[in-house]
Amino acid sequence: MNKHLTLLIATGSLLTAAIVSMQIPTTVDAKVKITTNQSYKKTSFLINSNRNAYVWNAKYNQKLHNGKFYN
């Protein structure tokens, strides 16, 4: 009985190790290509009117607008 149990455990361990160690080769043949370009409106955001939300210039050194006045 003890020999059968040891043989069963050894066989199960080897089978598990064989399954775990198998490596499925992965290929990256598919390349991603962007086919659409979505554009959004300039005012595609919501402003909380209770707080200040400033719009800055491109260099972020000057405030252009305070968003709480544009509801």
N, C-alpha and C. Protein backbone atom coordinates (compact mmCIF):
# COMPACT_ATOMS: atom_id res chain seq x y z
N MET A 1 0.82 -1.19 0.00
CA MET A 1 0.00 0.00 0.00
C MET A 1 0.87 1.25 0.00
N ASN A 2 1.93 1.25 0.78
CA ASN A 2 2.81 2.40 0.88
C ASN A 2 3.54 2.65 -0.43
N LYS A 3 3.90 1.54 -1.15
CA LYS A 3 4.58 1.69 -2.43
C LYS A 3 3.65 2.31 -3.46
N HIS A 4 2.39 1.92 -3.45
CA HIS A 4 1.42 2.46 -4.40
C HIS A 4 1.19 3.96 -4.16
N LEU A 5 1.11 4.36 -2.91
CA LEU A 5 0.90 5.75 -2.58
C LEU A 5 2.10 6.60 -2.98
N THR A 6 3.31 6.07 -2.73
CA THR A 6 4.52 6.78 -3.12
C THR A 6 4.61 6.91 -4.64
N LEU A 7 4.29 5.84 -5.35
CA LEU A 7 4.30 5.87 -6.81
C LEU A 7 3.27 6.85 -7.36
N LEU A 8 2.10 6.87 -6.74
CA LEU A 8 1.05 7.79 -7.17
C LEU A 8 1.47 9.25 -6.93
N ILE A 9 2.07 9.55 -5.80
CA ILE A 9 2.52 10.91 -5.51
C ILE A 9 3.65 11.31 -6.45
N ALA A 10 4.58 10.41 -6.71
CA ALA A 10 5.69 10.71 -7.61
C ALA A 10 5.19 10.96 -9.03
N THR A 11 4.27 10.14 -9.49
CA THR A 11 3.72 10.31 -10.84
C THR A 11 2.95 11.62 -10.94
N GLY A 12 2.17 11.92 -9.93
CA GLY A 12 1.42 13.17 -9.93
C GLY A 12 2.34 14.38 -9.90
N SER A 13 3.41 14.30 -9.14
CA SER A 13 4.37 15.40 -9.06
C SER A 13 5.06 15.61 -10.40
N LEU A 14 5.47 14.52 -11.04
CA LEU A 14 6.13 14.64 -12.34
C LEU A 14 5.18 15.18 -13.40
N LEU A 15 3.95 14.72 -13.36
CA LEU A 15 2.97 15.22 -14.32
C LEU A 15 2.70 16.71 -14.11
N THR A 16 2.57 17.11 -12.86
CA THR A 16 2.35 18.53 -12.55
C THR A 16 3.55 19.37 -12.99
N ALA A 17 4.76 18.89 -12.72
CA ALA A 17 5.96 19.62 -13.12
C ALA A 17 6.06 19.73 -14.64
N ALA A 18 5.67 18.67 -15.34
CA ALA A 18 5.72 18.70 -16.80
C ALA A 18 4.72 19.70 -17.37
N ILE A 19 3.53 19.76 -16.78
CA ILE A 19 2.52 20.69 -17.26
C ILE A 19 2.92 22.13 -16.97
N VAL A 20 3.47 22.36 -15.78
CA VAL A 20 3.87 23.72 -15.40
C VAL A 20 5.05 24.19 -16.23
N SER A 21 5.97 23.29 -16.54
CA SER A 21 7.19 23.71 -17.25
C SER A 21 7.00 23.85 -18.76
N MET A 22 5.87 23.40 -19.28
CA MET A 22 5.63 23.56 -20.72
C MET A 22 5.45 25.03 -21.03
N GLN A 23 6.15 25.49 -22.04
CA GLN A 23 6.03 26.88 -22.44
C GLN A 23 5.39 26.92 -23.82
N ILE A 24 4.33 27.68 -23.89
CA ILE A 24 3.65 27.85 -25.16
C ILE A 24 4.29 29.04 -25.85
N PRO A 25 4.86 28.84 -27.03
CA PRO A 25 5.51 29.97 -27.69
C PRO A 25 4.49 31.03 -28.10
N THR A 26 4.82 32.26 -27.77
CA THR A 26 3.94 33.35 -28.14
C THR A 26 4.61 34.15 -29.24
N THR A 27 3.83 34.52 -30.21
CA THR A 27 4.35 35.32 -31.31
C THR A 27 3.60 36.64 -31.36
N VAL A 28 4.30 37.65 -31.74
CA VAL A 28 3.70 38.97 -31.87
C VAL A 28 3.72 39.33 -33.35
N ASP A 29 2.84 38.68 -34.07
CA ASP A 29 2.75 38.94 -35.50
C ASP A 29 1.79 40.08 -35.80
N ALA A 30 0.79 40.25 -34.94
CA ALA A 30 -0.22 41.27 -35.20
C ALA A 30 0.33 42.63 -34.77
N LYS A 31 0.25 43.57 -35.66
CA LYS A 31 0.69 44.93 -35.36
C LYS A 31 -0.54 45.81 -35.22
N VAL A 32 -0.45 46.76 -34.33
CA VAL A 32 -1.57 47.66 -34.08
C VAL A 32 -1.50 48.82 -35.05
N LYS A 33 -2.61 49.10 -35.66
CA LYS A 33 -2.69 50.21 -36.60
C LYS A 33 -3.88 51.07 -36.21
N ILE A 34 -3.65 52.36 -36.04
CA ILE A 34 -4.72 53.28 -35.69
C ILE A 34 -5.48 53.63 -36.96
N THR A 35 -6.78 53.37 -36.93
CA THR A 35 -7.58 53.59 -38.13
C THR A 35 -8.53 54.77 -37.99
N THR A 36 -8.75 55.25 -36.76
CA THR A 36 -9.66 56.37 -36.58
C THR A 36 -8.98 57.46 -35.77
N ASN A 37 -9.45 58.66 -35.93
CA ASN A 37 -8.97 59.79 -35.17
C ASN A 37 -10.19 60.55 -34.68
N GLN A 38 -10.40 60.54 -33.37
CA GLN A 38 -11.56 61.23 -32.82
C GLN A 38 -11.15 62.61 -32.36
N SER A 39 -12.00 63.56 -32.62
CA SER A 39 -11.75 64.91 -32.13
C SER A 39 -12.87 65.28 -31.17
N TYR A 40 -12.55 66.09 -30.21
CA TYR A 40 -13.50 66.49 -29.19
C TYR A 40 -13.72 68.00 -29.27
N LYS A 41 -14.89 68.40 -28.82
CA LYS A 41 -15.18 69.83 -28.79
C LYS A 41 -14.29 70.51 -27.77
N LYS A 42 -14.08 71.81 -27.93
CA LYS A 42 -13.25 72.55 -26.99
C LYS A 42 -13.86 72.55 -25.59
N THR A 43 -15.17 72.52 -25.50
CA THR A 43 -15.84 72.57 -24.20
C THR A 43 -16.35 71.20 -23.80
N SER A 44 -15.52 70.20 -23.88
CA SER A 44 -15.94 68.85 -23.52
C SER A 44 -15.57 68.54 -22.08
N PHE A 45 -15.84 69.48 -21.18
CA PHE A 45 -15.59 69.25 -19.77
C PHE A 45 -16.64 70.00 -18.97
N LEU A 46 -16.84 69.59 -17.74
CA LEU A 46 -17.80 70.23 -16.86
C LEU A 46 -17.05 70.94 -15.75
N ILE A 47 -17.53 72.08 -15.35
CA ILE A 47 -16.87 72.87 -14.31
C ILE A 47 -17.75 72.90 -13.07
N ASN A 48 -17.15 72.67 -11.92
CA ASN A 48 -17.86 72.84 -10.67
C ASN A 48 -17.87 74.33 -10.36
N SER A 49 -19.03 74.94 -10.32
CA SER A 49 -19.09 76.39 -10.20
C SER A 49 -18.72 76.90 -8.82
N ASN A 50 -18.58 76.03 -7.84
CA ASN A 50 -18.23 76.47 -6.50
C ASN A 50 -16.73 76.63 -6.30
N ARG A 51 -15.93 76.13 -7.18
CA ARG A 51 -14.49 76.15 -7.01
C ARG A 51 -13.82 76.83 -8.20
N ASN A 52 -12.61 77.29 -7.98
CA ASN A 52 -11.83 77.88 -9.06
C ASN A 52 -11.20 76.79 -9.90
N ALA A 53 -11.30 76.91 -11.18
CA ALA A 53 -10.64 76.00 -12.11
C ALA A 53 -10.04 76.87 -13.20
N TYR A 54 -8.76 77.06 -13.14
CA TYR A 54 -8.10 78.00 -14.04
C TYR A 54 -7.67 77.33 -15.34
N VAL A 55 -7.73 78.09 -16.41
CA VAL A 55 -7.22 77.67 -17.70
C VAL A 55 -5.89 78.40 -17.89
N TRP A 56 -4.81 77.65 -18.08
CA TRP A 56 -3.47 78.22 -18.17
C TRP A 56 -3.03 78.29 -19.63
N ASN A 57 -2.01 79.10 -19.88
CA ASN A 57 -1.45 79.15 -21.21
C ASN A 57 -0.54 77.94 -21.44
N ALA A 58 0.06 77.83 -22.60
CA ALA A 58 0.84 76.63 -22.95
C ALA A 58 2.08 76.46 -22.08
N LYS A 59 2.65 77.55 -21.59
CA LYS A 59 3.85 77.45 -20.75
C LYS A 59 3.52 77.36 -19.26
N TYR A 60 2.25 77.37 -18.90
CA TYR A 60 1.78 77.29 -17.52
C TYR A 60 2.37 78.38 -16.64
N ASN A 61 2.50 79.57 -17.16
CA ASN A 61 3.02 80.65 -16.34
C ASN A 61 2.03 81.81 -16.22
N GLN A 62 0.86 81.71 -16.84
CA GLN A 62 -0.12 82.77 -16.76
C GLN A 62 -1.53 82.17 -16.81
N LYS A 63 -2.39 82.61 -15.89
CA LYS A 63 -3.77 82.17 -15.89
C LYS A 63 -4.53 82.93 -16.97
N LEU A 64 -5.24 82.21 -17.83
CA LEU A 64 -5.99 82.86 -18.89
C LEU A 64 -7.44 83.11 -18.49
N HIS A 65 -8.09 82.10 -17.89
CA HIS A 65 -9.50 82.22 -17.54
C HIS A 65 -9.76 81.51 -16.22
N ASN A 66 -10.77 81.98 -15.53
CA ASN A 66 -11.25 81.29 -14.34
C ASN A 66 -12.51 80.53 -14.74
N GLY A 67 -12.48 79.22 -14.61
CA GLY A 67 -13.57 78.39 -15.11
C GLY A 67 -14.87 78.53 -14.35
N LYS A 68 -14.86 79.08 -13.14
CA LYS A 68 -16.12 79.14 -12.40
C LYS A 68 -17.05 80.19 -12.97
N PHE A 69 -16.57 81.07 -13.84
CA PHE A 69 -17.43 82.07 -14.46
C PHE A 69 -18.03 81.57 -15.78
N TYR A 70 -17.66 80.39 -16.23
CA TYR A 70 -18.15 79.84 -17.49
C TYR A 70 -18.97 78.59 -17.21
N ASN A 71 -20.26 78.76 -16.95
CA ASN A 71 -21.12 77.60 -16.66
C ASN A 71 -21.88 77.19 -17.87
